[in-house]
Amino acid sequence: MNSTIDTKQEQKDRPPQSPTANDTPKINNELLIDIIGDEYTQAILIELTNNGKTARAISNSIKASRPTIYRRLNKLVRSGIVSTTTELNEDGHHRDKFHLKTDSLEFKLTDSGIEINTQINT
């Protein structure tokens, strides 16, 4: 029997668990503002606009390393605008697939700061 020991890097690169379908999505505005200006984050969001994709597919499409993609995806999941599902392949391996949870993001400057409005997919 083969066993696998996760390294700290593998654990760090894994996406955080997404809320279940019954959970009300909460957007972390501060984190979202922090990451939205990043070119890789923007490319990932564009990749996810039509349907869910694996980190490998995103990495291949935008020509960025998987660790770079996973770092951005992890932040997007924590921000609340991306979710994950796990799919089982025919060979028995599983893959996480990432999905955009919002149709739109609107940033508005107000006297009290930056307001973010989102349209969450249901």
PDB file of N, CA and C in Angstrom:
ATOM      1  N   MET A   1       0.844  -1.177   0.000  1.00  0.00           N
ATOM      2  CA  MET A   1       0.000   0.000   0.000  1.00  0.00           C
ATOM      3  C   MET A   1       0.888   1.239   0.000  1.00  0.00           C
ATOM      4  N   ASN A   2       0.633   2.142  -0.914  1.00  0.00           N
ATOM      5  CA  ASN A   2       1.375   3.394  -0.986  1.00  0.00           C
ATOM      6  C   ASN A   2       0.680   4.442  -0.152  1.00  0.00           C
ATOM      7  N   SER A   3       1.467   5.210   0.562  1.00  0.00           N
ATOM      8  CA  SER A   3       0.892   6.333   1.294  1.00  0.00           C
ATOM      9  C   SER A   3       1.642   7.581   0.897  1.00  0.00           C
ATOM     10  N   THR A   4       0.950   8.685   0.949  1.00  0.00           N
ATOM     11  CA  THR A   4       1.538   9.957   0.574  1.00  0.00           C
ATOM     12  C   THR A   4       1.570  10.853   1.796  1.00  0.00           C
ATOM     13  N   ILE A   5       2.698  11.489   2.017  1.00  0.00           N
ATOM     14  CA  ILE A   5       2.831  12.450   3.099  1.00  0.00           C
ATOM     15  C   ILE A   5       2.848  13.826   2.462  1.00  0.00           C
ATOM     16  N   ASP A   6       1.903  14.651   2.859  1.00  0.00           N
ATOM     17  CA  ASP A   6       1.832  16.007   2.316  1.00  0.00           C
ATOM     18  C   ASP A   6       2.962  16.851   2.885  1.00  0.00           C
ATOM     19  N   THR A   7       3.633  17.551   2.004  1.00  0.00           N
ATOM     20  CA  THR A   7       4.641  18.497   2.467  1.00  0.00           C
ATOM     21  C   THR A   7       3.943  19.795   2.829  1.00  0.00           C
ATOM     22  N   LYS A   8       4.638  20.664   3.538  1.00  0.00           N
ATOM     23  CA  LYS A   8       4.055  21.954   3.901  1.00  0.00           C
ATOM     24  C   LYS A   8       3.690  22.744   2.657  1.00  0.00           C
ATOM     25  N   GLN A   9       4.511  22.661   1.605  1.00  0.00           N
ATOM     26  CA  GLN A   9       4.229  23.395   0.376  1.00  0.00           C
ATOM     27  C   GLN A   9       2.947  22.883  -0.272  1.00  0.00           C
ATOM     28  N   GLU A  10       2.765  21.533  -0.312  1.00  0.00           N
ATOM     29  CA  GLU A  10       1.559  20.976  -0.901  1.00  0.00           C
ATOM     30  C   GLU A  10       0.330  21.428  -0.128  1.00  0.00           C
ATOM     31  N   GLN A  11       0.435  21.455   1.205  1.00  0.00           N
ATOM     32  CA  GLN A  11      -0.686  21.897   2.019  1.00  0.00           C
ATOM     33  C   GLN A  11      -0.968  23.376   1.769  1.00  0.00           C
ATOM     34  N   LYS A  12       0.082  24.157   1.629  1.00  0.00           N
ATOM     35  CA  LYS A  12      -0.070  25.596   1.381  1.00  0.00           C
ATOM     36  C   LYS A  12      -0.718  25.846   0.027  1.00  0.00           C
ATOM     37  N   ASP A  13      -0.375  25.016  -0.985  1.00  0.00           N
ATOM     38  CA  ASP A  13      -0.889  25.204  -2.330  1.00  0.00           C
ATOM     39  C   ASP A  13      -2.324  24.718  -2.491  1.00  0.00           C
ATOM     40  N   ARG A  14      -2.811  23.914  -1.551  1.00  0.00           N
ATOM     41  CA  ARG A  14      -4.181  23.426  -1.652  1.00  0.00           C
ATOM     42  C   ARG A  14      -5.157  24.552  -1.376  1.00  0.00           C
ATOM     43  N   PRO A  15      -6.271  24.564  -2.116  1.00  0.00           N
ATOM     44  CA  PRO A  15      -7.252  25.622  -1.876  1.00  0.00           C
ATOM     45  C   PRO A  15      -7.977  25.400  -0.561  1.00  0.00           C
ATOM     46  N   PRO A  16      -8.377  26.474   0.089  1.00  0.00           N
ATOM     47  CA  PRO A  16      -9.187  26.312   1.283  1.00  0.00           C
ATOM     48  C   PRO A  16     -10.544  25.744   0.905  1.00  0.00           C
ATOM     49  N   GLN A  17     -11.207  25.097   1.837  1.00  0.00           N
ATOM     50  CA  GLN A  17     -12.514  24.514   1.573  1.00  0.00           C
ATOM     51  C   GLN A  17     -13.519  25.615   1.272  1.00  0.00           C
ATOM     52  N   SER A  18     -14.313  25.391   0.248  1.00  0.00           N
ATOM     53  CA  SER A  18     -15.357  26.334  -0.107  1.00  0.00           C
ATOM     54  C   SER A  18     -16.559  26.113   0.785  1.00  0.00           C
ATOM     55  N   PRO A  19     -17.356  27.160   0.960  1.00  0.00           N
ATOM     56  CA  PRO A  19     -18.590  26.989   1.711  1.00  0.00           C
ATOM     57  C   PRO A  19     -19.510  26.017   0.984  1.00  0.00           C
ATOM     58  N   THR A  20     -20.365  25.341   1.711  1.00  0.00           N
ATOM     59  CA  THR A  20     -21.330  24.441   1.090  1.00  0.00           C
ATOM     60  C   THR A  20     -22.415  25.262   0.420  1.00  0.00           C
ATOM     61  N   ALA A  21     -23.245  24.588  -0.357  1.00  0.00           N
ATOM     62  CA  ALA A  21     -24.294  25.280  -1.099  1.00  0.00           C
ATOM     63  C   ALA A  21     -25.255  26.007  -0.169  1.00  0.00           C
ATOM     64  N   ASN A  22     -25.406  25.530   1.083  1.00  0.00           N
ATOM     65  CA  ASN A  22     -26.329  26.147   2.016  1.00  0.00           C
ATOM     66  C   ASN A  22     -25.752  27.387   2.694  1.00  0.00           C
ATOM     67  N   ASP A  23     -24.450  27.584   2.614  1.00  0.00           N
ATOM     68  CA  ASP A  23     -23.821  28.739   3.237  1.00  0.00           C
ATOM     69  C   ASP A  23     -24.072  29.997   2.415  1.00  0.00           C
ATOM     70  N   THR A  24     -24.301  31.106   3.090  1.00  0.00           N
ATOM     71  CA  THR A  24     -24.430  32.379   2.411  1.00  0.00           C
ATOM     72  C   THR A  24     -23.035  32.890   2.100  1.00  0.00           C
ATOM     73  N   PRO A  25     -22.740  33.152   0.814  1.00  0.00           N
ATOM     74  CA  PRO A  25     -21.407  33.631   0.477  1.00  0.00           C
ATOM     75  C   PRO A  25     -21.148  35.000   1.082  1.00  0.00           C
ATOM     76  N   LYS A  26     -19.960  35.176   1.622  1.00  0.00           N
ATOM     77  CA  LYS A  26     -19.553  36.460   2.173  1.00  0.00           C
ATOM     78  C   LYS A  26     -18.305  36.906   1.431  1.00  0.00           C
ATOM     79  N   ILE A  27     -18.321  38.127   0.992  1.00  0.00           N
ATOM     80  CA  ILE A  27     -17.197  38.670   0.248  1.00  0.00           C
ATOM     81  C   ILE A  27     -16.277  39.401   1.216  1.00  0.00           C
ATOM     82  N   ASN A  28     -14.995  39.064   1.170  1.00  0.00           N
ATOM     83  CA  ASN A  28     -13.981  39.737   1.976  1.00  0.00           C
ATOM     84  C   ASN A  28     -13.460  40.908   1.145  1.00  0.00           C
ATOM     85  N   ASN A  29     -14.043  42.087   1.359  1.00  0.00           N
ATOM     86  CA  ASN A  29     -13.706  43.256   0.546  1.00  0.00           C
ATOM     87  C   ASN A  29     -12.242  43.645   0.639  1.00  0.00           C
ATOM     88  N   GLU A  30     -11.669  43.618   1.830  1.00  0.00           N
ATOM     89  CA  GLU A  30     -10.265  44.018   1.984  1.00  0.00           C
ATOM     90  C   GLU A  30      -9.340  43.109   1.189  1.00  0.00           C
ATOM     91  N   LEU A  31      -9.552  41.805   1.270  1.00  0.00           N
ATOM     92  CA  LEU A  31      -8.722  40.866   0.517  1.00  0.00           C
ATOM     93  C   LEU A  31      -8.939  41.046  -0.976  1.00  0.00           C
ATOM     94  N   LEU A  32     -10.174  41.230  -1.383  1.00  0.00           N
ATOM     95  CA  LEU A  32     -10.478  41.411  -2.800  1.00  0.00           C
ATOM     96  C   LEU A  32      -9.780  42.654  -3.356  1.00  0.00           C
ATOM     97  N   ILE A  33      -9.831  43.749  -2.627  1.00  0.00           N
ATOM     98  CA  ILE A  33      -9.150  44.968  -3.064  1.00  0.00           C
ATOM     99  C   ILE A  33      -7.647  44.735  -3.162  1.00  0.00           C
ATOM    100  N   ASP A  34      -7.108  43.970  -2.220  1.00  0.00           N
ATOM    101  CA  ASP A  34      -5.677  43.684  -2.199  1.00  0.00           C
ATOM    102  C   ASP A  34      -5.224  42.900  -3.422  1.00  0.00           C
ATOM    103  N   ILE A  35      -6.047  41.987  -3.915  1.00  0.00           N
ATOM    104  CA  ILE A  35      -5.595  41.091  -4.981  1.00  0.00           C
ATOM    105  C   ILE A  35      -6.099  41.432  -6.371  1.00  0.00           C
ATOM    106  N   ILE A  36      -7.118  42.247  -6.496  1.00  0.00           N
ATOM    107  CA  ILE A  36      -7.754  42.469  -7.802  1.00  0.00           C
ATOM    108  C   ILE A  36      -6.839  43.179  -8.805  1.00  0.00           C
ATOM    109  N   GLY A  37      -5.870  43.936  -8.345  1.00  0.00           N
ATOM    110  CA  GLY A  37      -4.977  44.647  -9.255  1.00  0.00           C
ATOM    111  C   GLY A  37      -3.879  43.779  -9.854  1.00  0.00           C
ATOM    112  N   ASP A  38      -3.727  42.578  -9.358  1.00  0.00           N
ATOM    113  CA  ASP A  38      -2.687  41.667  -9.832  1.00  0.00           C
ATOM    114  C   ASP A  38      -3.042  41.118 -11.217  1.00  0.00           C
ATOM    115  N   GLU A  39      -2.101  41.163 -12.152  1.00  0.00           N
ATOM    116  CA  GLU A  39      -2.382  40.724 -13.521  1.00  0.00           C
ATOM    117  C   GLU A  39      -2.739  39.249 -13.607  1.00  0.00           C
ATOM    118  N   TYR A  40      -2.124  38.395 -12.772  1.00  0.00           N
ATOM    119  CA  TYR A  40      -2.467  36.973 -12.788  1.00  0.00           C
ATOM    120  C   TYR A  40      -3.880  36.757 -12.252  1.00  0.00           C
ATOM    121  N   THR A  41      -4.245  37.489 -11.214  1.00  0.00           N
ATOM    122  CA  THR A  41      -5.593  37.385 -10.664  1.00  0.00           C
ATOM    123  C   THR A  41      -6.612  37.777 -11.720  1.00  0.00           C
ATOM    124  N   GLN A  42      -6.361  38.845 -12.426  1.00  0.00           N
ATOM    125  CA  GLN A  42      -7.282  39.286 -13.479  1.00  0.00           C
ATOM    126  C   GLN A  42      -7.395  38.232 -14.580  1.00  0.00           C
ATOM    127  N   ALA A  43      -6.274  37.643 -14.967  1.00  0.00           N
ATOM    128  CA  ALA A  43      -6.293  36.605 -16.002  1.00  0.00           C
ATOM    129  C   ALA A  43      -7.079  35.377 -15.527  1.00  0.00           C
ATOM    130  N   ILE A  44      -6.918  35.015 -14.261  1.00  0.00           N
ATOM    131  CA  ILE A  44      -7.652  33.876 -13.706  1.00  0.00           C
ATOM    132  C   ILE A  44      -9.155  34.162 -13.731  1.00  0.00           C
ATOM    133  N   LEU A  45      -9.547  35.353 -13.310  1.00  0.00           N
ATOM    134  CA  LEU A  45     -10.971  35.708 -13.318  1.00  0.00           C
ATOM    135  C   LEU A  45     -11.553  35.643 -14.726  1.00  0.00           C
ATOM    136  N   ILE A  46     -10.792  36.102 -15.696  1.00  0.00           N
ATOM    137  CA  ILE A  46     -11.243  36.030 -17.088  1.00  0.00           C
ATOM    138  C   ILE A  46     -11.388  34.574 -17.525  1.00  0.00           C
ATOM    139  N   GLU A  47     -10.438  33.732 -17.142  1.00  0.00           N
ATOM    140  CA  GLU A  47     -10.506  32.306 -17.478  1.00  0.00           C
ATOM    141  C   GLU A  47     -11.745  31.630 -16.888  1.00  0.00           C
ATOM    142  N   LEU A  48     -12.161  32.087 -15.714  1.00  0.00           N
ATOM    143  CA  LEU A  48     -13.285  31.447 -15.027  1.00  0.00           C
ATOM    144  C   LEU A  48     -14.643  32.025 -15.416  1.00  0.00           C
ATOM    145  N   THR A  49     -14.684  33.002 -16.311  1.00  0.00           N
ATOM    146  CA  THR A  49     -15.959  33.648 -16.623  1.00  0.00           C
ATOM    147  C   THR A  49     -16.957  32.716 -17.301  1.00  0.00           C
ATOM    148  N   ASN A  50     -16.507  31.781 -18.102  1.00  0.00           N
ATOM    149  CA  ASN A  50     -17.440  30.922 -18.835  1.00  0.00           C
ATOM    150  C   ASN A  50     -17.773  29.624 -18.119  1.00  0.00           C
ATOM    151  N   ASN A  51     -16.795  29.050 -17.429  1.00  0.00           N
ATOM    152  CA  ASN A  51     -17.053  27.807 -16.708  1.00  0.00           C
ATOM    153  C   ASN A  51     -15.902  27.507 -15.763  1.00  0.00           C
ATOM    154  N   GLY A  52     -16.093  26.508 -14.914  1.00  0.00           N
ATOM    155  CA  GLY A  52     -15.061  26.121 -13.970  1.00  0.00           C
ATOM    156  C   GLY A  52     -13.874  25.467 -14.662  1.00  0.00           C
ATOM    157  N   LYS A  53     -12.702  25.631 -14.063  1.00  0.00           N
ATOM    158  CA  LYS A  53     -11.482  25.048 -14.626  1.00  0.00           C
ATOM    159  C   LYS A  53     -10.575  24.582 -13.501  1.00  0.00           C
ATOM    160  N   THR A  54      -9.691  23.662 -13.825  1.00  0.00           N
ATOM    161  CA  THR A  54      -8.679  23.217 -12.880  1.00  0.00           C
ATOM    162  C   THR A  54      -7.520  24.212 -12.890  1.00  0.00           C
ATOM    163  N   ALA A  55      -6.726  24.163 -11.847  1.00  0.00           N
ATOM    164  CA  ALA A  55      -5.545  25.035 -11.785  1.00  0.00           C
ATOM    165  C   ALA A  55      -4.593  24.719 -12.933  1.00  0.00           C
ATOM    166  N   ARG A  56      -4.480  23.456 -13.279  1.00  0.00           N
ATOM    167  CA  ARG A  56      -3.604  23.055 -14.388  1.00  0.00           C
ATOM    168  C   ARG A  56      -4.075  23.690 -15.698  1.00  0.00           C
ATOM    169  N   ALA A  57      -5.372  23.646 -15.951  1.00  0.00           N
ATOM    170  CA  ALA A  57      -5.910  24.230 -17.187  1.00  0.00           C
ATOM    171  C   ALA A  57      -5.684  25.741 -17.212  1.00  0.00           C
ATOM    172  N   ILE A  58      -5.891  26.391 -16.079  1.00  0.00           N
ATOM    173  CA  ILE A  58      -5.657  27.837 -16.003  1.00  0.00           C
ATOM    174  C   ILE A  58      -4.185  28.134 -16.223  1.00  0.00           C
ATOM    175  N   SER A  59      -3.322  27.368 -15.576  1.00  0.00           N
ATOM    176  CA  SER A  59      -1.882  27.545 -15.701  1.00  0.00           C
ATOM    177  C   SER A  59      -1.432  27.427 -17.152  1.00  0.00           C
ATOM    178  N   ASN A  60      -1.938  26.407 -17.839  1.00  0.00           N
ATOM    179  CA  ASN A  60      -1.578  26.205 -19.246  1.00  0.00           C
ATOM    180  C   ASN A  60      -2.107  27.324 -20.134  1.00  0.00           C
ATOM    181  N   SER A  61      -3.290  27.804 -19.831  1.00  0.00           N
ATOM    182  CA  SER A  61      -3.921  28.820 -20.660  1.00  0.00           C
ATOM    183  C   SER A  61      -3.234  30.180 -20.547  1.00  0.00           C
ATOM    184  N   ILE A  62      -2.870  30.570 -19.329  1.00  0.00           N
ATOM    185  CA  ILE A  62      -2.286  31.911 -19.169  1.00  0.00           C
ATOM    186  C   ILE A  62      -0.761  31.880 -19.030  1.00  0.00           C
ATOM    187  N   LYS A  63      -0.190  30.698 -19.179  1.00  0.00           N
ATOM    188  CA  LYS A  63       1.275  30.548 -19.178  1.00  0.00           C
ATOM    189  C   LYS A  63       1.917  31.036 -17.884  1.00  0.00           C
ATOM    190  N   ALA A  64       1.379  30.557 -16.760  1.00  0.00           N
ATOM    191  CA  ALA A  64       1.938  30.883 -15.446  1.00  0.00           C
ATOM    192  C   ALA A  64       2.139  29.573 -14.690  1.00  0.00           C
ATOM    193  N   SER A  65       3.055  29.577 -13.742  1.00  0.00           N
ATOM    194  CA  SER A  65       3.334  28.353 -12.982  1.00  0.00           C
ATOM    195  C   SER A  65       2.136  27.994 -12.105  1.00  0.00           C
ATOM    196  N   ARG A  66       1.995  26.705 -11.813  1.00  0.00           N
ATOM    197  CA  ARG A  66       0.893  26.272 -10.963  1.00  0.00           C
ATOM    198  C   ARG A  66       0.973  26.861  -9.559  1.00  0.00           C
ATOM    199  N   PRO A  67       2.166  26.954  -8.941  1.00  0.00           N
ATOM    200  CA  PRO A  67       2.199  27.601  -7.624  1.00  0.00           C
ATOM    201  C   PRO A  67       1.681  29.042  -7.667  1.00  0.00           C
ATOM    202  N   THR A  68       2.013  29.780  -8.724  1.00  0.00           N
ATOM    203  CA  THR A  68       1.508  31.142  -8.881  1.00  0.00           C
ATOM    204  C   THR A  68      -0.010  31.137  -8.988  1.00  0.00           C
ATOM    205  N   ILE A  69      -0.536  30.226  -9.785  1.00  0.00           N
ATOM    206  CA  ILE A  69      -1.985  30.126  -9.968  1.00  0.00           C
ATOM    207  C   ILE A  69      -2.658  29.739  -8.658  1.00  0.00           C
ATOM    208  N   TYR A  70      -2.107  28.738  -7.955  1.00  0.00           N
ATOM    209  CA  TYR A  70      -2.718  28.304  -6.690  1.00  0.00           C
ATOM    210  C   TYR A  70      -2.708  29.419  -5.642  1.00  0.00           C
ATOM    211  N   ARG A  71      -1.633  30.188  -5.581  1.00  0.00           N
ATOM    212  CA  ARG A  71      -1.605  31.294  -4.608  1.00  0.00           C
ATOM    213  C   ARG A  71      -2.748  32.269  -4.876  1.00  0.00           C
ATOM    214  N   ARG A  72      -2.951  32.622  -6.139  1.00  0.00           N
ATOM    215  CA  ARG A  72      -4.032  33.552  -6.480  1.00  0.00           C
ATOM    216  C   ARG A  72      -5.399  32.912  -6.254  1.00  0.00           C
ATOM    217  N   LEU A  73      -5.542  31.648  -6.652  1.00  0.00           N
ATOM    218  CA  LEU A  73      -6.820  30.967  -6.458  1.00  0.00           C
ATOM    219  C   LEU A  73      -7.174  30.858  -4.979  1.00  0.00           C
ATOM    220  N   ASN A  74      -6.196  30.551  -4.148  1.00  0.00           N
ATOM    221  CA  ASN A  74      -6.454  30.459  -2.705  1.00  0.00           C
ATOM    222  C   ASN A  74      -6.978  31.782  -2.160  1.00  0.00           C
ATOM    223  N   LYS A  75      -6.372  32.880  -2.597  1.00  0.00           N
ATOM    224  CA  LYS A  75      -6.837  34.193  -2.149  1.00  0.00           C
ATOM    225  C   LYS A  75      -8.231  34.496  -2.686  1.00  0.00           C
ATOM    226  N   LEU A  76      -8.505  34.110  -3.926  1.00  0.00           N
ATOM    227  CA  LEU A  76      -9.825  34.343  -4.502  1.00  0.00           C
ATOM    228  C   LEU A  76     -10.898  33.525  -3.775  1.00  0.00           C
ATOM    229  N   VAL A  77     -10.556  32.303  -3.376  1.00  0.00           N
ATOM    230  CA  VAL A  77     -11.495  31.487  -2.605  1.00  0.00           C
ATOM    231  C   VAL A  77     -11.738  32.141  -1.246  1.00  0.00           C
ATOM    232  N   ARG A  78     -10.656  32.576  -0.583  1.00  0.00           N
ATOM    233  CA  ARG A  78     -10.802  33.239   0.724  1.00  0.00           C
ATOM    234  C   ARG A  78     -11.585  34.549   0.608  1.00  0.00           C
ATOM    235  N   SER A  79     -11.458  35.224  -0.535  1.00  0.00           N
ATOM    236  CA  SER A  79     -12.181  36.478  -0.726  1.00  0.00           C
ATOM    237  C   SER A  79     -13.678  36.239  -0.891  1.00  0.00           C
ATOM    238  N   GLY A  80     -14.055  35.045  -1.300  1.00  0.00           N
ATOM    239  CA  GLY A  80     -15.467  34.706  -1.433  1.00  0.00           C
ATOM    240  C   GLY A  80     -16.022  34.765  -2.840  1.00  0.00           C
ATOM    241  N   ILE A  81     -15.207  35.091  -3.844  1.00  0.00           N
ATOM    242  CA  ILE A  81     -15.762  35.184  -5.203  1.00  0.00           C
ATOM    243  C   ILE A  81     -15.454  33.965  -6.069  1.00  0.00           C
ATOM    244  N   VAL A  82     -14.658  33.028  -5.551  1.00  0.00           N
ATOM    245  CA  VAL A  82     -14.374  31.776  -6.254  1.00  0.00           C
ATOM    246  C   VAL A  82     -14.657  30.627  -5.302  1.00  0.00           C
ATOM    247  N   SER A  83     -15.233  29.556  -5.844  1.00  0.00           N
ATOM    248  CA  SER A  83     -15.485  28.348  -5.050  1.00  0.00           C
ATOM    249  C   SER A  83     -14.799  27.159  -5.716  1.00  0.00           C
ATOM    250  N   THR A  84     -14.736  26.053  -5.006  1.00  0.00           N
ATOM    251  CA  THR A  84     -14.120  24.846  -5.556  1.00  0.00           C
ATOM    252  C   THR A  84     -15.082  23.670  -5.460  1.00  0.00           C
ATOM    253  N   THR A  85     -14.926  22.769  -6.410  1.00  0.00           N
ATOM    254  CA  THR A  85     -15.559  21.458  -6.342  1.00  0.00           C
ATOM    255  C   THR A  85     -14.471  20.440  -6.616  1.00  0.00           C
ATOM    256  N   THR A  86     -14.639  19.245  -6.116  1.00  0.00           N
ATOM    257  CA  THR A  86     -13.676  18.184  -6.348  1.00  0.00           C
ATOM    258  C   THR A  86     -14.299  17.155  -7.278  1.00  0.00           C
ATOM    259  N   GLU A  87     -13.575  16.813  -8.335  1.00  0.00           N
ATOM    260  CA  GLU A  87     -14.049  15.840  -9.311  1.00  0.00           C
ATOM    261  C   GLU A  87     -13.158  14.610  -9.269  1.00  0.00           C
ATOM    262  N   LEU A  88     -13.754  13.456  -9.394  1.00  0.00           N
ATOM    263  CA  LEU A  88     -13.027  12.195  -9.424  1.00  0.00           C
ATOM    264  C   LEU A  88     -12.852  11.776 -10.873  1.00  0.00           C
ATOM    265  N   ASN A  89     -11.603  11.574 -11.290  1.00  0.00           N
ATOM    266  CA  ASN A  89     -11.319  11.139 -12.658  1.00  0.00           C
ATOM    267  C   ASN A  89     -11.488   9.640 -12.772  1.00  0.00           C
ATOM    268  N   GLU A  90     -11.541   9.147 -14.005  1.00  0.00           N
ATOM    269  CA  GLU A  90     -11.681   7.715 -14.248  1.00  0.00           C
ATOM    270  C   GLU A  90     -10.525   6.912 -13.662  1.00  0.00           C
ATOM    271  N   ASP A  91      -9.348   7.517 -13.590  1.00  0.00           N
ATOM    272  CA  ASP A  91      -8.175   6.810 -13.066  1.00  0.00           C
ATOM    273  C   ASP A  91      -8.133   6.801 -11.538  1.00  0.00           C
ATOM    274  N   GLY A  92      -9.150   7.395 -10.890  1.00  0.00           N
ATOM    275  CA  GLY A  92      -9.216   7.400  -9.435  1.00  0.00           C
ATOM    276  C   GLY A  92      -8.618   8.634  -8.783  1.00  0.00           C
ATOM    277  N   HIS A  93      -7.942   9.460  -9.548  1.00  0.00           N
ATOM    278  CA  HIS A  93      -7.378  10.689  -8.997  1.00  0.00           C
ATOM    279  C   HIS A  93      -8.460  11.764  -8.923  1.00  0.00           C
ATOM    280  N   HIS A  94      -8.280  12.675  -8.003  1.00  0.00           N
ATOM    281  CA  HIS A  94      -9.244  13.768  -7.894  1.00  0.00           C
ATOM    282  C   HIS A  94      -8.576  15.087  -8.255  1.00  0.00           C
ATOM    283  N   ARG A  95      -9.397  15.989  -8.737  1.00  0.00           N
ATOM    284  CA  ARG A  95      -8.917  17.311  -9.125  1.00  0.00           C
ATOM    285  C   ARG A  95      -9.898  18.350  -8.586  1.00  0.00           C
ATOM    286  N   ASP A  96      -9.343  19.449  -8.120  1.00  0.00           N
ATOM    287  CA  ASP A  96     -10.182  20.561  -7.704  1.00  0.00           C
ATOM    288  C   ASP A  96     -10.478  21.419  -8.923  1.00  0.00           C
ATOM    289  N   LYS A  97     -11.725  21.794  -9.050  1.00  0.00           N
ATOM    290  CA  LYS A  97     -12.152  22.664 -10.130  1.00  0.00           C
ATOM    291  C   LYS A  97     -12.633  23.964  -9.493  1.00  0.00           C
ATOM    292  N   PHE A  98     -12.242  25.075 -10.076  1.00  0.00           N
ATOM    293  CA  PHE A  98     -12.540  26.394  -9.526  1.00  0.00           C
ATOM    294  C   PHE A  98     -13.640  27.056 -10.341  1.00  0.00           C
ATOM    295  N   HIS A  99     -14.558  27.724  -9.627  1.00  0.00           N
ATOM    296  CA  HIS A  99     -15.729  28.341 -10.251  1.00  0.00           C
ATOM    297  C   HIS A  99     -15.884  29.772  -9.763  1.00  0.00           C
ATOM    298  N   LEU A 100     -16.191  30.656 -10.672  1.00  0.00           N
ATOM    299  CA  LEU A 100     -16.472  32.040 -10.328  1.00  0.00           C
ATOM    300  C   LEU A 100     -17.875  32.108  -9.741  1.00  0.00           C
ATOM    301  N   LYS A 101     -18.011  32.747  -8.582  1.00  0.00           N
ATOM    302  CA  LYS A 101     -19.301  32.827  -7.900  1.00  0.00           C
ATOM    303  C   LYS A 101     -20.024  34.133  -8.160  1.00  0.00           C
ATOM    304  N   THR A 102     -19.458  34.987  -8.947  1.00  0.00           N
ATOM    305  CA  THR A 102     -20.067  36.295  -9.182  1.00  0.00           C
ATOM    306  C   THR A 102     -20.110  36.602 -10.674  1.00  0.00           C
ATOM    307  N   ASP A 103     -21.169  37.284 -11.066  1.00  0.00           N
ATOM    308  CA  ASP A 103     -21.294  37.712 -12.458  1.00  0.00           C
ATOM    309  C   ASP A 103     -20.660  39.073 -12.684  1.00  0.00           C
ATOM    310  N   SER A 104     -20.583  39.860 -11.594  1.00  0.00           N
ATOM    311  CA  SER A 104     -20.022  41.197 -11.759  1.00  0.00           C
ATOM    312  C   SER A 104     -19.429  41.693 -10.446  1.00  0.00           C
ATOM    313  N   LEU A 105     -18.444  42.557 -10.580  1.00  0.00           N
ATOM    314  CA  LEU A 105     -17.843  43.267  -9.460  1.00  0.00           C
ATOM    315  C   LEU A 105     -17.893  44.753  -9.796  1.00  0.00           C
ATOM    316  N   GLU A 106     -18.376  45.535  -8.871  1.00  0.00           N
ATOM    317  CA  GLU A 106     -18.440  46.976  -9.078  1.00  0.00           C
ATOM    318  C   GLU A 106     -17.756  47.666  -7.908  1.00  0.00           C
ATOM    319  N   PHE A 107     -16.763  48.480  -8.208  1.00  0.00           N
ATOM    320  CA  PHE A 107     -16.036  49.227  -7.187  1.00  0.00           C
ATOM    321  C   PHE A 107     -16.520  50.669  -7.228  1.00  0.00           C
ATOM    322  N   LYS A 108     -16.892  51.181  -6.063  1.00  0.00           N
ATOM    323  CA  LYS A 108     -17.415  52.537  -5.985  1.00  0.00           C
ATOM    324  C   LYS A 108     -16.669  53.294  -4.893  1.00  0.00           C
ATOM    325  N   LEU A 109     -16.150  54.464  -5.232  1.00  0.00           N
ATOM    326  CA  LEU A 109     -15.469  55.308  -4.256  1.00  0.00           C
ATOM    327  C   LEU A 109     -16.509  56.133  -3.511  1.00  0.00           C
ATOM    328  N   THR A 110     -16.457  56.074  -2.192  1.00  0.00           N
ATOM    329  CA  THR A 110     -17.384  56.825  -1.361  1.00  0.00           C
ATOM    330  C   THR A 110     -16.592  57.638  -0.347  1.00  0.00           C
ATOM    331  N   ASP A 111     -17.283  58.503   0.381  1.00  0.00           N
ATOM    332  CA  ASP A 111     -16.631  59.296   1.422  1.00  0.00           C
ATOM    333  C   ASP A 111     -16.033  58.411   2.518  1.00  0.00           C
ATOM    334  N   SER A 112     -16.615  57.238   2.708  1.00  0.00           N
ATOM    335  CA  SER A 112     -16.136  56.351   3.776  1.00  0.00           C
ATOM    336  C   SER A 112     -15.150  55.294   3.283  1.00  0.00           C
ATOM    337  N   GLY A 113     -14.829  55.267   1.998  1.00  0.00           N
ATOM    338  CA  GLY A 113     -13.869  54.298   1.472  1.00  0.00           C
ATOM    339  C   GLY A 113     -14.334  53.701   0.158  1.00  0.00           C
ATOM    340  N   ILE A 114     -13.903  52.487  -0.097  1.00  0.00           N
ATOM    341  CA  ILE A 114     -14.266  51.787  -1.331  1.00  0.00           C
ATOM    342  C   ILE A 114     -15.386  50.809  -1.014  1.00  0.00           C
ATOM    343  N   GLU A 115     -16.438  50.904  -1.792  1.00  0.00           N
ATOM    344  CA  GLU A 115     -17.575  50.005  -1.647  1.00  0.00           C
ATOM    345  C   GLU A 115     -17.526  49.019  -2.812  1.00  0.00           C
ATOM    346  N   ILE A 116     -17.727  47.737  -2.515  1.00  0.00           N
ATOM    347  CA  ILE A 116     -17.723  46.715  -3.568  1.00  0.00           C
ATOM    348  C   ILE A 116     -19.110  46.094  -3.630  1.00  0.00           C
ATOM    349  N   ASN A 117     -19.694  46.129  -4.817  1.00  0.00           N
ATOM    350  CA  ASN A 117     -20.977  45.488  -5.055  1.00  0.00           C
ATOM    351  C   ASN A 117     -20.744  44.289  -5.952  1.00  0.00           C
ATOM    352  N   THR A 118     -21.329  43.168  -5.590  1.00  0.00           N
ATOM    353  CA  THR A 118     -21.194  41.956  -6.396  1.00  0.00           C
ATOM    354  C   THR A 118     -22.548  41.370  -6.701  1.00  0.00           C
ATOM    355  N   GLN A 119     -22.629  40.688  -7.799  1.00  0.00           N
ATOM    356  CA  GLN A 119     -23.823  39.916  -8.163  1.00  0.00           C
ATOM    357  C   GLN A 119     -23.406  38.451  -8.046  1.00  0.00           C
ATOM    358  N   ILE A 120     -23.855  37.787  -6.986  1.00  0.00           N
ATOM    359  CA  ILE A 120     -23.464  36.405  -6.721  1.00  0.00           C
ATOM    360  C   ILE A 120     -24.295  35.451  -7.577  1.00  0.00           C
ATOM    361  N   ASN A 121     -23.606  34.473  -8.212  1.00  0.00           N
ATOM    362  CA  ASN A 121     -24.306  33.417  -8.950  1.00  0.00           C
ATOM    363  C   ASN A 121     -25.033  32.528  -7.962  1.00  0.00           C
ATOM    364  N   THR A 122     -26.182  32.026  -8.356  1.00  0.00           N
ATOM    365  CA  THR A 122     -26.921  31.112  -7.468  1.00  0.00           C
ATOM    366  C   THR A 122     -26.915  29.720  -8.017  1.00  0.00           C
TER     367      THR A 122
END
